[in-house]
Protein backbone atom coordinates (compact mmCIF):
# COMPACT_ATOMS: atom_id res chain seq x y z
CA MET A 1 55.51 15.81 54.77
CA ALA A 2 58.08 14.29 52.44
CA SER A 3 61.29 16.29 52.24
CA GLU A 4 62.52 17.74 48.98
CA VAL A 5 65.64 15.57 49.30
CA GLN A 6 63.56 12.37 49.56
CA LEU A 7 61.41 13.37 46.60
CA SER A 8 64.46 14.31 44.56
CA GLU A 9 66.05 10.92 45.25
CA VAL A 10 62.92 9.08 44.15
CA LEU A 11 62.57 11.14 40.99
CA SER A 12 66.25 10.63 40.14
CA GLU A 13 65.88 6.90 40.63
CA PHE A 14 62.90 6.72 38.30
CA ALA A 15 64.63 8.93 35.74
CA ARG A 16 67.33 6.28 35.49
CA THR A 17 64.70 3.63 34.73
CA MET A 18 63.63 5.58 31.65
CA VAL A 19 66.68 4.33 29.73
CA THR A 20 66.33 0.72 30.94
CA ASP A 21 64.18 -2.09 29.65
CA PHE A 22 62.49 -2.72 32.99
CA PRO A 23 59.05 -4.29 32.48
CA ILE A 24 55.92 -2.60 33.74
CA GLN A 25 55.47 -4.88 36.74
CA VAL A 26 58.98 -4.14 37.99
CA ILE A 27 58.39 -0.39 37.70
CA LEU A 28 55.14 -0.63 39.65
CA ASP A 29 56.65 -2.82 42.38
CA ARG A 30 59.52 -0.38 42.87
CA LEU A 31 57.21 2.63 42.80
CA VAL A 32 54.95 1.50 45.66
CA ALA A 33 57.95 0.53 47.78
CA ARG A 34 59.56 3.96 47.39
CA ILE A 35 56.31 5.85 48.02
CA VAL A 36 56.06 4.25 51.47
CA ASP A 37 59.60 5.53 52.15
CA VAL A 38 58.74 9.17 51.44
CA LEU A 39 55.14 9.61 52.65
CA PRO A 40 53.56 9.13 56.09
CA ILE A 41 51.61 6.02 55.10
CA SER A 42 51.73 2.33 56.02
CA GLY A 43 51.20 0.93 52.52
CA ALA A 44 50.69 1.76 48.87
CA GLY A 45 49.17 0.03 45.90
CA VAL A 46 48.65 0.56 42.18
CA THR A 47 46.10 -1.05 39.90
CA LEU A 48 46.08 -0.47 36.15
CA ILE A 49 42.51 -0.65 34.92
CA SER A 50 40.87 -1.15 31.54
CA GLU A 51 37.08 -0.99 31.72
CA GLY A 52 35.53 -4.40 31.23
CA PHE A 53 38.78 -6.33 31.77
CA VAL A 54 40.42 -7.94 34.77
CA PRO A 55 43.41 -5.78 35.80
CA ARG A 56 46.57 -6.99 34.10
CA TYR A 57 48.96 -5.23 36.50
CA VAL A 58 48.55 -4.91 40.28
CA ALA A 59 51.37 -3.89 42.62
CA ALA A 60 51.50 -3.40 46.40
CA SER A 61 54.08 -2.55 49.03
CA SER A 62 52.90 -5.33 51.37
CA ASN A 63 50.60 -8.32 51.48
CA LYS A 64 47.99 -6.28 53.33
CA ALA A 65 48.10 -3.53 50.68
CA LEU A 66 47.80 -6.19 47.97
CA GLU A 67 44.72 -7.55 49.73
CA PHE A 68 43.11 -4.08 49.61
CA GLU A 69 43.90 -3.72 45.90
CA LYS A 70 42.41 -7.11 45.04
CA LEU A 71 39.38 -6.47 47.26
CA GLN A 72 38.43 -3.37 45.27
CA THR A 73 38.80 -5.27 41.99
CA GLU A 74 36.74 -8.14 43.35
CA LEU A 75 33.93 -5.88 44.58
CA ASP A 76 34.25 -3.38 41.70
CA GLU A 77 33.95 -0.80 44.44
CA GLY A 78 36.26 1.39 46.51
CA PRO A 79 38.43 4.51 46.30
CA CYS A 80 40.62 3.02 43.54
CA VAL A 81 37.63 2.26 41.30
CA ALA A 82 36.02 5.64 42.05
CA ALA A 83 39.21 7.60 41.29
CA TYR A 84 39.64 5.75 38.00
CA ARG A 85 36.06 6.40 36.90
CA THR A 86 35.80 10.03 38.02
CA GLY A 87 39.37 11.13 37.37
CA GLU A 88 39.37 12.86 40.77
CA ILE A 89 41.39 12.35 43.96
CA ILE A 90 39.44 10.34 46.54
CA SER A 91 40.18 11.02 50.23
CA VAL A 92 38.96 8.78 53.05
CA PRO A 93 40.71 10.06 56.19
CA ASP A 94 38.60 7.88 58.52
CA LEU A 95 37.26 4.61 57.12
CA ALA A 96 34.83 4.27 60.03
CA ASN A 97 32.91 7.33 58.85
CA GLU A 98 32.95 6.50 55.10
CA VAL A 99 29.52 5.85 53.54
CA ARG A 100 30.35 5.79 49.79
CA PHE A 101 31.93 2.31 49.62
CA GLU A 102 29.85 0.23 51.97
CA ARG A 103 31.00 -3.28 51.00
CA PHE A 104 34.66 -2.30 50.70
CA VAL A 105 34.64 -0.44 54.03
CA GLU A 106 33.02 -3.34 55.85
CA ARG A 107 35.66 -5.84 54.77
CA ALA A 108 38.66 -3.46 54.82
CA LYS A 109 38.00 -2.47 58.46
CA LEU A 110 38.17 -6.13 59.46
CA VAL A 111 41.81 -6.30 58.37
CA GLY A 112 42.88 -3.04 59.95
CA LEU A 113 42.56 -0.31 57.33
CA GLY A 114 42.15 3.15 58.91
CA ALA A 115 42.36 5.60 55.98
CA VAL A 116 42.96 5.63 52.24
CA PHE A 117 43.81 8.31 49.68
CA THR A 118 43.66 7.58 45.95
CA ILE A 119 45.28 9.50 43.09
CA PRO A 120 43.99 8.68 39.56
CA LEU A 121 46.60 7.85 36.92
CA ILE A 122 45.66 10.03 33.96
CA HIS A 123 47.25 10.50 30.54
CA ASN A 124 45.71 13.36 28.55
CA ASP A 125 42.03 12.38 28.52
CA GLY A 126 42.74 8.72 29.14
CA ARG A 127 42.70 7.01 32.53
CA MET A 128 45.08 4.17 33.27
CA GLY A 129 44.23 3.23 36.86
CA ALA A 130 44.90 4.62 40.31
CA LEU A 131 47.51 4.94 43.06
CA ASP A 132 46.26 4.05 46.57
CA LEU A 133 47.89 5.36 49.77
CA TYR A 134 46.91 3.34 52.85
CA ARG A 135 47.15 4.18 56.58
CA ASP A 136 46.59 1.75 59.46
CA MET A 137 45.21 4.55 61.65
CA PRO A 138 42.70 7.26 60.74
CA GLY A 139 44.21 10.59 59.84
CA ASP A 140 44.39 13.04 56.99
CA LEU A 141 47.32 13.78 54.68
CA ASP A 142 48.31 17.40 54.41
CA SER A 143 48.27 19.27 51.13
CA GLY A 144 52.03 18.90 50.74
CA ASP A 145 51.85 15.11 50.96
CA ILE A 146 48.98 15.03 48.48
CA ALA A 147 51.04 17.22 46.13
CA VAL A 148 54.00 14.84 46.40
CA ALA A 149 51.67 11.89 45.76
CA GLN A 150 50.34 13.66 42.67
CA ILE A 151 53.88 14.24 41.39
CA LEU A 152 54.73 10.56 41.91
CA ALA A 153 51.50 9.53 40.18
CA ASP A 154 52.31 11.74 37.18
CA VAL A 155 55.85 10.38 37.01
CA THR A 156 54.46 6.86 37.20
CA VAL A 157 52.19 7.54 34.23
CA ALA A 158 55.16 8.80 32.20
CA TYR A 159 57.25 5.72 32.91
CA LEU A 160 54.33 3.38 32.37
CA LEU A 161 53.72 4.93 28.96
CA ASN A 162 57.39 4.51 28.12
CA ALA A 163 57.39 0.89 29.27
CA GLN A 164 54.12 0.22 27.44
CA ALA A 165 55.57 1.66 24.24
CA ARG A 166 58.56 -0.67 24.56
CA SER A 167 56.27 -3.60 25.27
CA ASP A 168 54.05 -2.75 22.29
CA LEU A 169 57.10 -2.50 20.04
CA ILE A 170 58.36 -5.90 21.19
CA GLU A 171 54.92 -7.45 20.72
CA ALA A 172 54.61 -5.91 17.25
CA ALA A 173 58.02 -7.25 16.30
CA THR A 174 57.06 -10.67 17.67
CA ARG A 175 53.80 -10.67 15.72
CA ALA A 176 55.61 -9.58 12.56
CA ARG A 177 58.11 -12.40 12.95
CA GLU A 178 55.32 -14.90 13.60
CA ASN A 179 53.47 -13.70 10.51
CA ALA A 180 56.66 -14.06 8.49
CA LEU A 181 57.25 -17.59 9.78
CA LEU A 182 53.73 -19.03 9.83
CA ASP A 183 51.46 -20.11 7.01
CA PRO A 184 48.47 -17.72 7.08
CA LEU A 185 45.90 -20.43 6.30
CA THR A 186 46.88 -23.30 8.61
CA LYS A 187 49.02 -21.32 11.12
CA LEU A 188 51.70 -23.99 10.71
CA PRO A 189 55.39 -23.12 10.33
CA ASN A 190 56.20 -22.09 6.78
CA ARG A 191 59.26 -22.92 4.67
CA VAL A 192 61.46 -20.29 6.34
CA LEU A 193 60.80 -21.54 9.88
CA LEU A 194 61.06 -25.17 8.78
CA LEU A 195 64.50 -24.57 7.30
CA GLU A 196 65.59 -22.81 10.51
CA ARG A 197 64.57 -25.83 12.60
CA LEU A 198 66.04 -28.26 10.09
CA ASN A 199 69.34 -26.42 10.20
CA GLN A 200 69.37 -26.67 14.00
CA ALA A 201 68.59 -30.38 13.78
CA VAL A 202 71.43 -31.01 11.31
CA LEU A 203 73.89 -29.27 13.63
CA ARG A 204 72.69 -31.38 16.58
CA ASP A 205 72.96 -34.57 14.54
CA ALA A 206 76.64 -33.89 13.86
CA ARG A 207 77.26 -33.93 17.63
CA SER A 208 74.83 -36.60 18.78
CA ASN A 209 75.03 -39.26 16.02
CA LYS A 210 71.24 -39.04 15.73
CA VAL A 211 69.29 -38.92 12.47
CA THR A 212 66.80 -36.31 11.30
CA ALA A 213 64.14 -37.32 8.79
CA VAL A 214 62.19 -35.02 6.49
CA LEU A 215 58.87 -36.39 5.24
CA PHE A 216 57.50 -34.46 2.26
CA ALA A 217 53.75 -35.16 1.89
CA ASP A 218 51.70 -34.06 -1.11
CA LEU A 219 47.95 -34.65 -1.31
CA ASP A 220 46.87 -36.86 -4.21
CA ARG A 221 44.45 -35.33 -6.71
CA PHE A 222 44.09 -32.11 -4.73
CA LYS A 223 43.57 -30.13 -7.95
CA ALA A 224 40.45 -32.20 -8.60
CA VAL A 225 39.06 -31.09 -5.22
CA ASN A 226 39.56 -27.43 -6.12
CA ASP A 227 38.10 -27.95 -9.59
CA MET A 228 35.06 -29.86 -8.34
CA TYR A 229 34.19 -28.05 -5.10
CA GLY A 230 35.99 -24.70 -5.33
CA HIS A 231 39.04 -23.21 -3.65
CA ALA A 232 37.17 -22.41 -0.41
CA THR A 233 36.54 -26.13 0.10
CA GLY A 234 40.13 -26.84 -0.88
CA ASP A 235 41.29 -24.45 1.85
CA GLN A 236 39.01 -26.17 4.37
CA LEU A 237 40.56 -29.49 3.43
CA LEU A 238 44.08 -28.15 3.92
CA VAL A 239 43.18 -26.87 7.40
CA ALA A 240 41.56 -30.20 8.27
CA VAL A 241 44.63 -32.10 7.06
CA ALA A 242 46.89 -29.87 9.17
CA GLU A 243 44.79 -30.50 12.28
CA ARG A 244 44.66 -34.26 11.74
CA LEU A 245 48.38 -34.61 11.04
CA THR A 246 49.20 -32.57 14.12
CA ARG A 247 47.36 -35.13 16.25
CA VAL A 248 49.26 -38.16 14.92
CA LEU A 249 52.81 -36.78 15.14
CA ARG A 250 55.23 -37.02 18.04
CA ALA A 251 55.52 -34.14 20.49
CA GLY A 252 58.90 -33.06 19.15
CA ASP A 253 58.02 -33.21 15.46
CA THR A 254 57.48 -30.09 13.35
CA LEU A 255 54.65 -30.00 10.84
CA ALA A 256 54.99 -27.27 8.22
CA ARG A 257 53.05 -26.24 5.15
CA MET A 258 55.25 -25.45 2.19
CA SER A 259 52.75 -24.24 -0.40
CA GLY A 260 49.58 -25.47 -2.03
CA ASP A 261 48.88 -29.00 -0.80
CA GLU A 262 52.46 -29.73 0.28
CA PHE A 263 53.16 -30.52 3.93
CA VAL A 264 56.52 -31.37 5.48
CA VAL A 265 57.15 -33.21 8.74
CA LEU A 266 60.52 -32.74 10.46
CA CYS A 267 61.35 -35.67 12.74
CA VAL A 268 64.40 -35.20 14.96
CA ASP A 269 66.51 -37.42 17.23
CA LEU A 270 65.87 -40.69 15.40
CA ASP A 271 68.19 -43.55 16.31
CA GLU A 272 68.02 -44.99 12.80
CA PRO A 273 66.38 -44.12 9.47
CA ALA A 274 63.90 -47.01 9.71
CA GLU A 275 62.04 -45.14 12.46
CA ALA A 276 60.84 -42.68 9.82
CA ASN A 277 58.82 -45.47 8.19
CA VAL A 278 56.71 -45.79 11.34
CA ILE A 279 55.95 -42.08 11.23
CA ALA A 280 55.15 -42.28 7.51
CA ASP A 281 52.70 -45.11 8.25
CA ARG A 282 50.96 -42.93 10.84
CA ILE A 283 50.72 -40.06 8.37
CA ALA A 284 49.28 -42.35 5.69
CA SER A 285 46.77 -43.85 8.15
CA ALA A 286 45.57 -40.35 9.01
CA PHE A 287 43.95 -40.31 5.56
CA ASP A 288 42.02 -43.56 6.05
CA GLN A 289 38.91 -41.72 7.19
CA PRO A 290 37.20 -39.04 5.09
CA PHE A 291 37.51 -35.37 6.02
CA LEU A 292 34.15 -33.94 7.12
CA LEU A 293 34.05 -30.35 5.87
CA SER A 294 31.25 -27.81 6.16
CA ASP A 295 29.47 -28.87 2.96
CA HIS A 296 31.31 -31.94 1.74
CA GLU A 297 32.85 -35.22 2.83
CA ILE A 298 36.14 -35.78 1.05
CA LEU A 299 38.33 -38.87 1.04
CA THR A 300 41.87 -38.31 -0.16
CA THR A 301 45.32 -39.88 0.10
CA THR A 302 48.87 -38.60 0.20
CA SER A 303 52.20 -39.41 -1.40
CA ILE A 304 55.20 -39.12 0.92
CA GLY A 305 58.90 -38.77 0.19
CA ILE A 306 61.49 -39.31 2.92
CA ALA A 307 65.05 -37.99 3.09
CA PHE A 308 67.59 -37.89 5.90
CA SER A 309 70.36 -35.78 7.36
CA SER A 310 73.23 -38.24 7.38
CA THR A 311 76.27 -35.96 7.37
CA ASP A 312 77.03 -32.28 7.79
CA ARG A 313 77.48 -32.11 4.01
CA HIS A 314 73.71 -32.08 3.71
CA ASN A 315 72.44 -28.57 4.16
CA PRO A 316 68.70 -28.03 4.87
CA GLU A 317 67.82 -27.05 1.29
CA ASP A 318 69.42 -30.25 -0.03
CA ILE A 319 67.55 -32.50 2.41
CA LEU A 320 64.26 -30.81 1.61
CA HIS A 321 64.92 -31.15 -2.12
CA HIS A 322 65.77 -34.84 -1.72
CA ALA A 323 62.52 -35.45 0.17
CA ASP A 324 60.65 -33.65 -2.62
CA MET A 325 62.27 -35.93 -5.21
CA ALA A 326 61.36 -39.01 -3.18
CA MET A 327 57.77 -37.76 -3.02
CA TYR A 328 57.78 -37.37 -6.80
CA ARG A 329 58.93 -40.97 -7.05
CA ALA A 330 55.96 -42.05 -4.90
CA LYS A 331 53.64 -40.09 -7.19
CA ARG A 332 55.03 -41.76 -10.29
CA ALA A 333 54.50 -45.14 -8.65
CA GLY A 334 50.77 -44.43 -8.37
CA GLY A 335 50.54 -42.32 -5.20
CA ALA A 336 49.05 -43.19 -1.81
CA ARG A 337 52.41 -44.54 -0.68
CA TYR A 338 55.79 -43.42 0.61
CA GLU A 339 59.27 -43.70 -0.81
CA ALA A 340 62.52 -43.18 1.09
CA LEU A 341 65.62 -41.78 -0.55
CA GLU A 342 68.43 -43.85 0.91
CA ILE A 343 71.25 -41.97 2.58
CA GLN A 344 73.76 -43.43 0.13
CA MET A 345 71.73 -42.11 -2.80
CA GLN A 346 71.46 -38.68 -1.19
CA ASP A 347 75.23 -38.53 -0.97
CA GLN A 348 75.41 -38.87 -4.76
CA LEU A 349 73.06 -35.98 -5.45
CA VAL A 350 73.95 -32.37 -6.15
CA ARG A 351 71.97 -29.17 -6.12
CA PRO A 352 69.32 -29.10 -8.88
CA GLU A 353 70.76 -26.09 -10.71
CA SER A 354 74.06 -27.93 -11.20
CA LEU A 355 72.30 -31.12 -12.28
CA THR A 356 70.12 -29.22 -14.75
CA SER A 357 73.17 -27.70 -16.37
CA ASP A 358 74.74 -31.15 -16.80
CA LEU A 359 71.47 -32.59 -18.10
CA THR A 360 71.49 -30.25 -21.11
CA MET A 361 74.63 -32.06 -22.34
CA ALA A 362 73.58 -35.60 -21.40
CA LEU A 363 71.98 -36.43 -24.76
CA SER A 364 74.77 -35.09 -26.94
CA ASN A 365 77.41 -36.77 -24.76
CA GLY A 366 75.69 -40.16 -24.93
CA GLU A 367 75.18 -40.35 -21.17
CA LEU A 368 71.59 -41.66 -21.29
CA GLN A 369 71.03 -45.41 -21.32
CA MET A 370 68.07 -47.77 -21.37
CA LEU A 371 68.05 -50.66 -18.93
CA TYR A 372 65.63 -53.54 -19.45
CA GLN A 373 63.83 -55.66 -16.85
CA PRO A 374 62.29 -58.92 -18.13
CA ILE A 375 58.75 -59.73 -17.02
CA VAL A 376 58.14 -63.48 -16.88
CA HIS A 377 55.21 -65.74 -16.04
CA THR A 378 55.57 -67.25 -12.57
CA ALA A 379 54.45 -70.58 -13.99
CA GLY A 380 57.06 -71.87 -16.41
CA GLY A 381 59.24 -68.76 -16.46
CA LYS A 382 58.14 -67.76 -19.98
CA LEU A 383 59.18 -64.26 -21.06
CA PHE A 384 56.07 -62.10 -21.25
CA SER A 385 57.35 -58.56 -21.84
CA ILE A 386 60.14 -56.16 -20.96
CA ASP A 387 60.09 -52.99 -18.86
CA ALA A 388 62.36 -50.25 -20.17
CA GLU A 389 64.00 -48.05 -17.53
CA LEU A 390 65.84 -44.86 -18.40
CA ARG A 391 69.10 -44.12 -16.62
CA TRP A 392 71.55 -41.24 -16.73
CA ILE A 393 75.17 -42.30 -16.38
CA HIS A 394 76.67 -39.08 -15.08
CA PRO A 395 80.44 -38.79 -15.69
CA THR A 396 81.16 -37.86 -12.03
CA ARG A 397 77.99 -38.69 -10.08
CA GLY A 398 77.46 -42.21 -11.41
CA THR A 399 74.04 -43.67 -12.19
CA ILE A 400 71.14 -41.26 -11.58
CA ASN A 401 67.55 -42.50 -11.50
CA PRO A 402 64.88 -40.80 -13.65
CA PHE A 403 62.84 -39.79 -10.61
CA VAL A 404 65.78 -37.52 -9.77
CA PHE A 405 66.42 -35.91 -13.14
CA MET A 406 63.05 -36.09 -14.93
CA PRO A 407 61.42 -33.40 -12.74
CA LEU A 408 64.37 -31.18 -13.64
CA ALA A 409 63.96 -32.09 -17.29
CA GLU A 410 60.27 -31.12 -17.19
CA LYS A 411 61.06 -27.77 -15.57
CA SER A 412 63.75 -26.99 -18.15
CA ASP A 413 61.79 -28.15 -21.27
CA LEU A 414 64.12 -31.10 -21.83
CA SER A 415 61.55 -33.81 -21.10
CA ASP A 416 60.22 -34.01 -24.70
CA SER A 417 63.63 -34.51 -26.28
CA ILE A 418 64.65 -37.04 -23.60
CA GLY A 419 61.32 -38.87 -23.96
CA HIS A 420 61.72 -38.88 -27.75
CA TRP A 421 65.20 -40.39 -27.39
CA ALA A 422 63.93 -43.06 -24.95
CA LEU A 423 61.12 -44.12 -27.30
CA ARG A 424 63.44 -44.27 -30.31
CA ARG A 425 66.08 -46.27 -28.42
CA ALA A 426 63.51 -48.74 -27.02
CA CYS A 427 62.07 -49.29 -30.52
CA GLN A 428 65.54 -49.78 -32.02
CA ASP A 429 66.41 -52.39 -29.39
CA SER A 430 63.04 -54.08 -29.90
CA PHE A 431 63.66 -54.37 -33.66
CA ARG A 432 67.15 -55.73 -33.03
CA TRP A 433 65.86 -58.45 -30.69
CA ARG A 434 63.09 -59.33 -33.12
CA ASP A 435 65.61 -59.76 -35.95
CA SER A 436 67.87 -61.86 -33.72
CA HIS A 437 65.17 -64.15 -32.30
CA ASN A 438 62.48 -63.95 -34.97
CA LYS A 439 60.03 -62.94 -32.28
CA SER A 440 58.50 -59.66 -31.19
CA ILE A 441 58.62 -58.89 -27.46
CA PRO A 442 56.43 -56.08 -26.06
CA ILE A 443 58.38 -53.32 -24.38
CA HIS A 444 56.85 -51.01 -21.78
CA VAL A 445 58.24 -47.47 -21.88
CA SER A 446 57.21 -44.89 -19.28
CA THR A 447 56.04 -41.60 -20.80
CA SER A 448 55.61 -38.35 -18.94
CA ALA A 449 52.21 -36.68 -18.85
CA HIS A 450 53.77 -33.63 -20.46
CA GLN A 451 54.99 -35.64 -23.44
CA LEU A 452 51.78 -37.66 -23.70
CA MET A 453 49.71 -34.48 -23.96
CA SER A 454 51.95 -33.02 -26.64
CA PRO A 455 50.12 -32.55 -29.98
CA ASP A 456 53.16 -34.08 -31.75
CA PHE A 457 53.22 -37.24 -29.65
CA LEU A 458 51.44 -39.46 -32.16
CA ALA A 459 53.67 -38.28 -34.99
CA ILE A 460 56.79 -38.86 -32.86
CA LEU A 461 55.59 -42.34 -31.88
CA THR A 462 54.90 -43.20 -35.54
CA SER A 463 58.30 -41.95 -36.66
CA VAL A 464 60.32 -44.00 -34.18
CA CYS A 465 58.28 -47.20 -34.39
């Protein structure tokens, strides 16, 4: 029979594990090893059981004991299984005379098992598994040894519950973090996780002289899909796009969904910016074939904007914003294409809130200008018309293209006044050239959709022209 000193040592040892973060498997492995030290047995094993499932945790003091544990799981028969299902201690002092577990006995005798005693692991009304005590030779355990085994089984249950609670807490925290970092529809990384990875990439680039590219892809005419087929079909399309893009990207790339129909691809460790064009081509080609959804076949395209991490002055939010602006430029050019924001141009940009503040003063300070591009016939070089291009000459940032500041103007309700000024200036210059050359030359002026849909647009156009 185990001495009180031996039992006390084992209990003290397991008490110390209560305040550790030992995983369940470690606790079980240590338990079976210590049980062999304090009881007159040749081996011990523990199997945690959930009805209908393969055991997740199995521990044994030796390879032979592990074989006995696995044999009972394989056969779904034996003292361990019986103790778990009945909640009662199972004693088999002489395996040769045992008739309850025919298949288990037949195979266990072949590898030298003489006796087995099983203590169920019980918590309140719930059963967790069983503790097996093996002997090479037949022979009973006295009541004192069984009592010690019961104490060790009860202690094991307590520590397993504690370890399981820790494990459940960690898993819950992990799931919560995943839910906070993944898009619920596509299961892709969301904006938060993308910015985390982009920040890590920027830091690596500063040390490795590599380039990180951000490709901001927006589906063309996605609103029409929702309007025509419904939002459920629109969601199916977004999931299909996510799956197809995942297949065409490199192993180290990150595909994220920002919101709506906006996807972002993070490409790291590029040797030069031009490599991003190859990836953009692959993304664009992914839309060559229609998407076969449950009830519809939809063919769509995407507009892509590309920005880069060139220096450590570019924080993740800036790079993402620059890629968004480049995407907007691709949209304005007709869509189904990609535009790259050159690194030199990125270096001239500032955060949008600062730029918006400056834009409110641009008109009154005379910082807006119209540049004109002649359009000529290829045969003979005859002037056909003129394209008018709006530019903002910022006092400290230099020349800023409209694809950079017009989205900000539209968000801050400045687009109508800027568009009005551009129309008036283009008409004034047209009249001046007509008076100088006695000839009218058509001028093409880009107008935002917001201004074109304004109920005052016709009156404004009449007043300036």
